[in-house]
Amino acid sequence: MPTPPVHGEPPRPGGAHLLAREALGFWFLGLGALGLLRGWMRATRHGGFETETVALLWLIGSALLAVVGALRIWRALRAGRR
């Protein structure tokens, strides 16, 4: 009978393992989504879509953060299926 690994139980496929393994990706994705919402609210504050430099930088930075988070999660999903 083989002994279990010393450092803990072996990785299980499923959502809980993905969440623990790729928490930073979910963190980036959540911050990016909240930043997009905040930037959109700032850009549409006075009716139409009027971007100032700060709102535009906020939207671009939040979009990049959300993309990085989504890419990290996607790569973790692909690595888990192998």
PDB file of N, CA and C in Angstrom:
ATOM      1  N   MET A   1       0.836  -1.167   0.000  1.00  0.00           N
ATOM      2  CA  MET A   1       0.000   0.000   0.000  1.00  0.00           C
ATOM      3  C   MET A   1       0.890   1.242   0.000  1.00  0.00           C
ATOM      4  N   PRO A   2       0.749   2.118  -1.010  1.00  0.00           N
ATOM      5  CA  PRO A   2       1.612   3.306  -1.070  1.00  0.00           C
ATOM      6  C   PRO A   2       1.238   4.313   0.019  1.00  0.00           C
ATOM      7  N   THR A   3       2.253   5.000   0.507  1.00  0.00           N
ATOM      8  CA  THR A   3       2.009   6.012   1.530  1.00  0.00           C
ATOM      9  C   THR A   3       1.643   7.337   0.860  1.00  0.00           C
ATOM     10  N   PRO A   4       0.787   8.133   1.499  1.00  0.00           N
ATOM     11  CA  PRO A   4       0.431   9.428   0.914  1.00  0.00           C
ATOM     12  C   PRO A   4       1.616  10.381   0.947  1.00  0.00           C
ATOM     13  N   PRO A   5       1.615  11.386   0.092  1.00  0.00           N
ATOM     14  CA  PRO A   5       2.718  12.358   0.098  1.00  0.00           C
ATOM     15  C   PRO A   5       2.807  13.074   1.440  1.00  0.00           C
ATOM     16  N   VAL A   6       3.996  13.478   1.781  1.00  0.00           N
ATOM     17  CA  VAL A   6       4.238  14.115   3.069  1.00  0.00           C
ATOM     18  C   VAL A   6       3.609  15.505   3.133  1.00  0.00           C
ATOM     19  N   HIS A   7       3.605  16.233   2.034  1.00  0.00           N
ATOM     20  CA  HIS A   7       3.165  17.620   2.028  1.00  0.00           C
ATOM     21  C   HIS A   7       1.653  17.780   2.001  1.00  0.00           C
ATOM     22  N   GLY A   8       0.877  16.729   1.960  1.00  0.00           N
ATOM     23  CA  GLY A   8      -0.582  16.859   1.983  1.00  0.00           C
ATOM     24  C   GLY A   8      -1.222  15.876   1.032  1.00  0.00           C
ATOM     25  N   GLU A   9      -2.502  16.040   0.862  1.00  0.00           N
ATOM     26  CA  GLU A   9      -3.218  15.137  -0.022  1.00  0.00           C
ATOM     27  C   GLU A   9      -2.950  15.477  -1.479  1.00  0.00           C
ATOM     28  N   PRO A  10      -3.072  14.508  -2.368  1.00  0.00           N
ATOM     29  CA  PRO A  10      -2.804  14.773  -3.781  1.00  0.00           C
ATOM     30  C   PRO A  10      -3.868  15.714  -4.348  1.00  0.00           C
ATOM     31  N   PRO A  11      -3.520  16.447  -5.398  1.00  0.00           N
ATOM     32  CA  PRO A  11      -4.481  17.382  -5.970  1.00  0.00           C
ATOM     33  C   PRO A  11      -5.704  16.655  -6.525  1.00  0.00           C
ATOM     34  N   ARG A  12      -6.849  17.223  -6.256  1.00  0.00           N
ATOM     35  CA  ARG A  12      -8.110  16.668  -6.759  1.00  0.00           C
ATOM     36  C   ARG A  12      -8.595  17.523  -7.906  1.00  0.00           C
ATOM     37  N   PRO A  13      -9.134  16.900  -8.915  1.00  0.00           N
ATOM     38  CA  PRO A  13      -9.735  17.705  -9.973  1.00  0.00           C
ATOM     39  C   PRO A  13     -11.019  18.324  -9.440  1.00  0.00           C
ATOM     40  N   GLY A  14     -11.289  19.534  -9.863  1.00  0.00           N
ATOM     41  CA  GLY A  14     -12.522  20.174  -9.432  1.00  0.00           C
ATOM     42  C   GLY A  14     -12.309  21.641  -9.122  1.00  0.00           C
ATOM     43  N   GLY A  15     -13.400  22.294  -8.746  1.00  0.00           N
ATOM     44  CA  GLY A  15     -13.393  23.723  -8.532  1.00  0.00           C
ATOM     45  C   GLY A  15     -12.615  24.174  -7.316  1.00  0.00           C
ATOM     46  N   ALA A  16     -12.653  23.406  -6.229  1.00  0.00           N
ATOM     47  CA  ALA A  16     -11.968  23.833  -5.012  1.00  0.00           C
ATOM     48  C   ALA A  16     -10.458  23.880  -5.234  1.00  0.00           C
ATOM     49  N   HIS A  17      -9.941  22.911  -5.951  1.00  0.00           N
ATOM     50  CA  HIS A  17      -8.499  22.895  -6.208  1.00  0.00           C
ATOM     51  C   HIS A  17      -8.106  24.051  -7.124  1.00  0.00           C
ATOM     52  N   LEU A  18      -8.918  24.322  -8.135  1.00  0.00           N
ATOM     53  CA  LEU A  18      -8.622  25.433  -9.043  1.00  0.00           C
ATOM     54  C   LEU A  18      -8.646  26.753  -8.290  1.00  0.00           C
ATOM     55  N   LEU A  19      -9.595  26.915  -7.399  1.00  0.00           N
ATOM     56  CA  LEU A  19      -9.692  28.151  -6.634  1.00  0.00           C
ATOM     57  C   LEU A  19      -8.464  28.338  -5.749  1.00  0.00           C
ATOM     58  N   ALA A  20      -8.009  27.282  -5.136  1.00  0.00           N
ATOM     59  CA  ALA A  20      -6.828  27.380  -4.275  1.00  0.00           C
ATOM     60  C   ALA A  20      -5.562  27.585  -5.098  1.00  0.00           C
ATOM     61  N   ARG A  21      -5.483  26.937  -6.248  1.00  0.00           N
ATOM     62  CA  ARG A  21      -4.264  27.019  -7.057  1.00  0.00           C
ATOM     63  C   ARG A  21      -4.165  28.339  -7.804  1.00  0.00           C
ATOM     64  N   GLU A  22      -5.276  28.905  -8.209  1.00  0.00           N
ATOM     65  CA  GLU A  22      -5.248  30.097  -9.038  1.00  0.00           C
ATOM     66  C   GLU A  22      -6.005  31.257  -8.385  1.00  0.00           C
ATOM     67  N   ALA A  23      -5.802  31.437  -7.092  1.00  0.00           N
ATOM     68  CA  ALA A  23      -6.469  32.514  -6.363  1.00  0.00           C
ATOM     69  C   ALA A  23      -6.044  33.885  -6.886  1.00  0.00           C
ATOM     70  N   LEU A  24      -4.792  34.023  -7.281  1.00  0.00           N
ATOM     71  CA  LEU A  24      -4.314  35.305  -7.799  1.00  0.00           C
ATOM     72  C   LEU A  24      -5.023  35.663  -9.103  1.00  0.00           C
ATOM     73  N   GLY A  25      -5.266  34.681  -9.954  1.00  0.00           N
ATOM     74  CA  GLY A  25      -5.996  34.947 -11.194  1.00  0.00           C
ATOM     75  C   GLY A  25      -7.423  35.407 -10.930  1.00  0.00           C
ATOM     76  N   PHE A  26      -8.090  34.765  -9.965  1.00  0.00           N
ATOM     77  CA  PHE A  26      -9.439  35.197  -9.613  1.00  0.00           C
ATOM     78  C   PHE A  26      -9.423  36.591  -8.981  1.00  0.00           C
ATOM     79  N   TRP A  27      -8.393  36.883  -8.207  1.00  0.00           N
ATOM     80  CA  TRP A  27      -8.241  38.200  -7.591  1.00  0.00           C
ATOM     81  C   TRP A  27      -8.079  39.262  -8.680  1.00  0.00           C
ATOM     82  N   PHE A  28      -7.203  39.025  -9.647  1.00  0.00           N
ATOM     83  CA  PHE A  28      -7.009  39.968 -10.752  1.00  0.00           C
ATOM     84  C   PHE A  28      -8.292  40.154 -11.551  1.00  0.00           C
ATOM     85  N   LEU A  29      -8.981  39.060 -11.829  1.00  0.00           N
ATOM     86  CA  LEU A  29     -10.216  39.137 -12.600  1.00  0.00           C
ATOM     87  C   LEU A  29     -11.274  39.956 -11.861  1.00  0.00           C
ATOM     88  N   GLY A  30     -11.416  39.731 -10.570  1.00  0.00           N
ATOM     89  CA  GLY A  30     -12.395  40.487  -9.785  1.00  0.00           C
ATOM     90  C   GLY A  30     -12.052  41.961  -9.691  1.00  0.00           C
ATOM     91  N   LEU A  31     -10.772  42.268  -9.440  1.00  0.00           N
ATOM     92  CA  LEU A  31     -10.368  43.674  -9.379  1.00  0.00           C
ATOM     93  C   LEU A  31     -10.529  44.362 -10.727  1.00  0.00           C
ATOM     94  N   GLY A  32     -10.233  43.645 -11.798  1.00  0.00           N
ATOM     95  CA  GLY A  32     -10.412  44.215 -13.126  1.00  0.00           C
ATOM     96  C   GLY A  32     -11.877  44.503 -13.434  1.00  0.00           C
ATOM     97  N   ALA A  33     -12.759  43.583 -13.049  1.00  0.00           N
ATOM     98  CA  ALA A  33     -14.195  43.794 -13.281  1.00  0.00           C
ATOM     99  C   ALA A  33     -14.713  44.973 -12.465  1.00  0.00           C
ATOM    100  N   LEU A  34     -14.302  45.064 -11.200  1.00  0.00           N
ATOM    101  CA  LEU A  34     -14.721  46.210 -10.386  1.00  0.00           C
ATOM    102  C   LEU A  34     -14.144  47.518 -10.926  1.00  0.00           C
ATOM    103  N   GLY A  35     -12.917  47.483 -11.395  1.00  0.00           N
ATOM    104  CA  GLY A  35     -12.306  48.674 -11.977  1.00  0.00           C
ATOM    105  C   GLY A  35     -12.997  49.099 -13.265  1.00  0.00           C
ATOM    106  N   LEU A  36     -13.408  48.125 -14.084  1.00  0.00           N
ATOM    107  CA  LEU A  36     -14.146  48.466 -15.300  1.00  0.00           C
ATOM    108  C   LEU A  36     -15.474  49.131 -14.957  1.00  0.00           C
ATOM    109  N   LEU A  37     -16.145  48.607 -13.960  1.00  0.00           N
ATOM    110  CA  LEU A  37     -17.405  49.202 -13.536  1.00  0.00           C
ATOM    111  C   LEU A  37     -17.185  50.625 -13.025  1.00  0.00           C
ATOM    112  N   ARG A  38     -16.167  50.817 -12.206  1.00  0.00           N
ATOM    113  CA  ARG A  38     -15.870  52.148 -11.657  1.00  0.00           C
ATOM    114  C   ARG A  38     -15.449  53.114 -12.762  1.00  0.00           C
ATOM    115  N   GLY A  39     -14.627  52.668 -13.684  1.00  0.00           N
ATOM    116  CA  GLY A  39     -14.223  53.528 -14.791  1.00  0.00           C
ATOM    117  C   GLY A  39     -15.389  53.892 -15.687  1.00  0.00           C
ATOM    118  N   TRP A  40     -16.283  52.931 -15.935  1.00  0.00           N
ATOM    119  CA  TRP A  40     -17.463  53.205 -16.753  1.00  0.00           C
ATOM    120  C   TRP A  40     -18.377  54.216 -16.048  1.00  0.00           C
ATOM    121  N   MET A  41     -18.537  54.057 -14.742  1.00  0.00           N
ATOM    122  CA  MET A  41     -19.363  55.010 -13.995  1.00  0.00           C
ATOM    123  C   MET A  41     -18.757  56.409 -14.033  1.00  0.00           C
ATOM    124  N   ARG A  42     -17.443  56.493 -13.959  1.00  0.00           N
ATOM    125  CA  ARG A  42     -16.780  57.799 -14.014  1.00  0.00           C
ATOM    126  C   ARG A  42     -16.892  58.419 -15.403  1.00  0.00           C
ATOM    127  N   ALA A  43     -16.794  57.577 -16.448  1.00  0.00           N
ATOM    128  CA  ALA A  43     -16.849  58.099 -17.818  1.00  0.00           C
ATOM    129  C   ALA A  43     -18.257  58.535 -18.211  1.00  0.00           C
ATOM    130  N   THR A  44     -19.273  57.913 -17.636  1.00  0.00           N
ATOM    131  CA  THR A  44     -20.655  58.252 -17.991  1.00  0.00           C
ATOM    132  C   THR A  44     -21.347  59.053 -16.891  1.00  0.00           C
ATOM    133  N   ARG A  45     -20.588  59.730 -16.089  1.00  0.00           N
ATOM    134  CA  ARG A  45     -21.129  60.471 -14.950  1.00  0.00           C
ATOM    135  C   ARG A  45     -22.104  61.568 -15.366  1.00  0.00           C
ATOM    136  N   HIS A  46     -21.835  62.257 -16.438  1.00  0.00           N
ATOM    137  CA  HIS A  46     -22.656  63.403 -16.840  1.00  0.00           C
ATOM    138  C   HIS A  46     -23.549  63.089 -18.029  1.00  0.00           C
ATOM    139  N   GLY A  47     -24.001  61.875 -18.167  1.00  0.00           N
ATOM    140  CA  GLY A  47     -24.908  61.536 -19.259  1.00  0.00           C
ATOM    141  C   GLY A  47     -24.237  60.678 -20.310  1.00  0.00           C
ATOM    142  N   GLY A  48     -23.613  61.300 -21.290  1.00  0.00           N
ATOM    143  CA  GLY A  48     -22.967  60.563 -22.370  1.00  0.00           C
ATOM    144  C   GLY A  48     -21.618  60.014 -21.933  1.00  0.00           C
ATOM    145  N   PHE A  49     -20.950  59.400 -22.882  1.00  0.00           N
ATOM    146  CA  PHE A  49     -19.634  58.821 -22.610  1.00  0.00           C
ATOM    147  C   PHE A  49     -18.582  59.890 -22.851  1.00  0.00           C
ATOM    148  N   GLU A  50     -18.163  60.566 -21.780  1.00  0.00           N
ATOM    149  CA  GLU A  50     -17.149  61.615 -21.857  1.00  0.00           C
ATOM    150  C   GLU A  50     -15.933  61.150 -21.071  1.00  0.00           C
ATOM    151  N   THR A  51     -14.891  60.792 -21.773  1.00  0.00           N
ATOM    152  CA  THR A  51     -13.713  60.299 -21.058  1.00  0.00           C
ATOM    153  C   THR A  51     -12.741  61.431 -20.821  1.00  0.00           C
ATOM    154  N   GLU A  52     -12.252  61.472 -19.637  1.00  0.00           N
ATOM    155  CA  GLU A  52     -11.119  62.314 -19.308  1.00  0.00           C
ATOM    156  C   GLU A  52      -9.925  61.376 -19.187  1.00  0.00           C
ATOM    157  N   THR A  53      -8.781  61.918 -19.005  1.00  0.00           N
ATOM    158  CA  THR A  53      -7.574  61.107 -18.979  1.00  0.00           C
ATOM    159  C   THR A  53      -7.603  60.071 -17.862  1.00  0.00           C
ATOM    160  N   VAL A  54      -8.064  60.464 -16.690  1.00  0.00           N
ATOM    161  CA  VAL A  54      -8.090  59.541 -15.558  1.00  0.00           C
ATOM    162  C   VAL A  54      -9.058  58.393 -15.822  1.00  0.00           C
ATOM    163  N   ALA A  55     -10.242  58.693 -16.334  1.00  0.00           N
ATOM    164  CA  ALA A  55     -11.230  57.643 -16.614  1.00  0.00           C
ATOM    165  C   ALA A  55     -10.726  56.703 -17.702  1.00  0.00           C
ATOM    166  N   LEU A  56     -10.071  57.240 -18.704  1.00  0.00           N
ATOM    167  CA  LEU A  56      -9.554  56.408 -19.783  1.00  0.00           C
ATOM    168  C   LEU A  56      -8.431  55.490 -19.285  1.00  0.00           C
ATOM    169  N   LEU A  57      -7.529  56.034 -18.478  1.00  0.00           N
ATOM    170  CA  LEU A  57      -6.468  55.204 -17.907  1.00  0.00           C
ATOM    171  C   LEU A  57      -7.039  54.146 -16.973  1.00  0.00           C
ATOM    172  N   TRP A  58      -8.071  54.498 -16.220  1.00  0.00           N
ATOM    173  CA  TRP A  58      -8.713  53.552 -15.310  1.00  0.00           C
ATOM    174  C   TRP A  58      -9.330  52.406 -16.112  1.00  0.00           C
ATOM    175  N   LEU A  59     -10.028  52.730 -17.199  1.00  0.00           N
ATOM    176  CA  LEU A  59     -10.652  51.699 -18.033  1.00  0.00           C
ATOM    177  C   LEU A  59      -9.611  50.791 -18.683  1.00  0.00           C
ATOM    178  N   ILE A  60      -8.562  51.375 -19.212  1.00  0.00           N
ATOM    179  CA  ILE A  60      -7.525  50.575 -19.877  1.00  0.00           C
ATOM    180  C   ILE A  60      -6.804  49.683 -18.872  1.00  0.00           C
ATOM    181  N   GLY A  61      -6.438  50.233 -17.727  1.00  0.00           N
ATOM    182  CA  GLY A  61      -5.750  49.445 -16.710  1.00  0.00           C
ATOM    183  C   GLY A  61      -6.615  48.319 -16.161  1.00  0.00           C
ATOM    184  N   SER A  62      -7.887  48.607 -15.963  1.00  0.00           N
ATOM    185  CA  SER A  62      -8.798  47.580 -15.458  1.00  0.00           C
ATOM    186  C   SER A  62      -9.017  46.483 -16.493  1.00  0.00           C
ATOM    187  N   ALA A  63      -9.110  46.864 -17.762  1.00  0.00           N
ATOM    188  CA  ALA A  63      -9.279  45.862 -18.816  1.00  0.00           C
ATOM    189  C   ALA A  63      -8.049  44.957 -18.886  1.00  0.00           C
ATOM    190  N   LEU A  64      -6.865  45.538 -18.782  1.00  0.00           N
ATOM    191  CA  LEU A  64      -5.641  44.727 -18.804  1.00  0.00           C
ATOM    192  C   LEU A  64      -5.575  43.793 -17.595  1.00  0.00           C
ATOM    193  N   LEU A  65      -5.964  44.285 -16.432  1.00  0.00           N
ATOM    194  CA  LEU A  65      -5.952  43.459 -15.225  1.00  0.00           C
ATOM    195  C   LEU A  65      -6.938  42.302 -15.350  1.00  0.00           C
ATOM    196  N   ALA A  66      -8.114  42.565 -15.907  1.00  0.00           N
ATOM    197  CA  ALA A  66      -9.108  41.505 -16.095  1.00  0.00           C
ATOM    198  C   ALA A  66      -8.613  40.469 -17.112  1.00  0.00           C
ATOM    199  N   VAL A  67      -7.954  40.919 -18.159  1.00  0.00           N
ATOM    200  CA  VAL A  67      -7.432  39.990 -19.167  1.00  0.00           C
ATOM    201  C   VAL A  67      -6.330  39.120 -18.569  1.00  0.00           C
ATOM    202  N   VAL A  68      -5.446  39.703 -17.777  1.00  0.00           N
ATOM    203  CA  VAL A  68      -4.384  38.924 -17.140  1.00  0.00           C
ATOM    204  C   VAL A  68      -4.983  37.873 -16.205  1.00  0.00           C
ATOM    205  N   GLY A  69      -5.984  38.265 -15.428  1.00  0.00           N
ATOM    206  CA  GLY A  69      -6.641  37.312 -14.541  1.00  0.00           C
ATOM    207  C   GLY A  69      -7.311  36.185 -15.298  1.00  0.00           C
ATOM    208  N   ALA A  70      -8.018  36.523 -16.383  1.00  0.00           N
ATOM    209  CA  ALA A  70      -8.689  35.503 -17.182  1.00  0.00           C
ATOM    210  C   ALA A  70      -7.677  34.562 -17.840  1.00  0.00           C
ATOM    211  N   LEU A  71      -6.561  35.100 -18.303  1.00  0.00           N
ATOM    212  CA  LEU A  71      -5.532  34.254 -18.916  1.00  0.00           C
ATOM    213  C   LEU A  71      -4.909  33.301 -17.906  1.00  0.00           C
ATOM    214  N   ARG A  72      -4.677  33.779 -16.688  1.00  0.00           N
ATOM    215  CA  ARG A  72      -4.109  32.901 -15.649  1.00  0.00           C
ATOM    216  C   ARG A  72      -5.064  31.761 -15.329  1.00  0.00           C
ATOM    217  N   ILE A  73      -6.357  32.078 -15.215  1.00  0.00           N
ATOM    218  CA  ILE A  73      -7.349  31.037 -14.914  1.00  0.00           C
ATOM    219  C   ILE A  73      -7.445  30.058 -16.078  1.00  0.00           C
ATOM    220  N   TRP A  74      -7.441  30.557 -17.307  1.00  0.00           N
ATOM    221  CA  TRP A  74      -7.540  29.698 -18.487  1.00  0.00           C
ATOM    222  C   TRP A  74      -6.332  28.760 -18.570  1.00  0.00           C
ATOM    223  N   ARG A  75      -5.136  29.291 -18.296  1.00  0.00           N
ATOM    224  CA  ARG A  75      -3.942  28.448 -18.328  1.00  0.00           C
ATOM    225  C   ARG A  75      -3.978  27.394 -17.229  1.00  0.00           C
ATOM    226  N   ALA A  76      -4.495  27.748 -16.065  1.00  0.00           N
ATOM    227  CA  ALA A  76      -4.600  26.772 -14.973  1.00  0.00           C
ATOM    228  C   ALA A  76      -5.610  25.682 -15.325  1.00  0.00           C
ATOM    229  N   LEU A  77      -6.685  26.046 -15.977  1.00  0.00           N
ATOM    230  CA  LEU A  77      -7.667  25.053 -16.405  1.00  0.00           C
ATOM    231  C   LEU A  77      -7.071  24.092 -17.434  1.00  0.00           C
ATOM    232  N   ARG A  78      -6.337  24.643 -18.390  1.00  0.00           N
ATOM    233  CA  ARG A  78      -5.705  23.807 -19.409  1.00  0.00           C
ATOM    234  C   ARG A  78      -4.648  22.893 -18.810  1.00  0.00           C
ATOM    235  N   ALA A  79      -3.882  23.397 -17.845  1.00  0.00           N
ATOM    236  CA  ALA A  79      -2.854  22.565 -17.207  1.00  0.00           C
ATOM    237  C   ALA A  79      -3.490  21.457 -16.363  1.00  0.00           C
ATOM    238  N   GLY A  80      -4.653  21.726 -15.792  1.00  0.00           N
ATOM    239  CA  GLY A  80      -5.329  20.723 -14.980  1.00  0.00           C
ATOM    240  C   GLY A  80      -5.942  19.603 -15.784  1.00  0.00           C
ATOM    241  N   ARG A  81      -6.215  19.830 -17.048  1.00  0.00           N
ATOM    242  CA  ARG A  81      -6.829  18.812 -17.908  1.00  0.00           C
ATOM    243  C   ARG A  81      -5.808  17.861 -18.505  1.00  0.00           C
ATOM    244  N   ARG A  82      -4.543  18.178 -18.418  1.00  0.00           N
ATOM    245  CA  ARG A  82      -3.509  17.328 -19.018  1.00  0.00           C
ATOM    246  C   ARG A  82      -3.257  16.115 -18.195  1.00  0.00           C
TER     247      ARG A  82
END
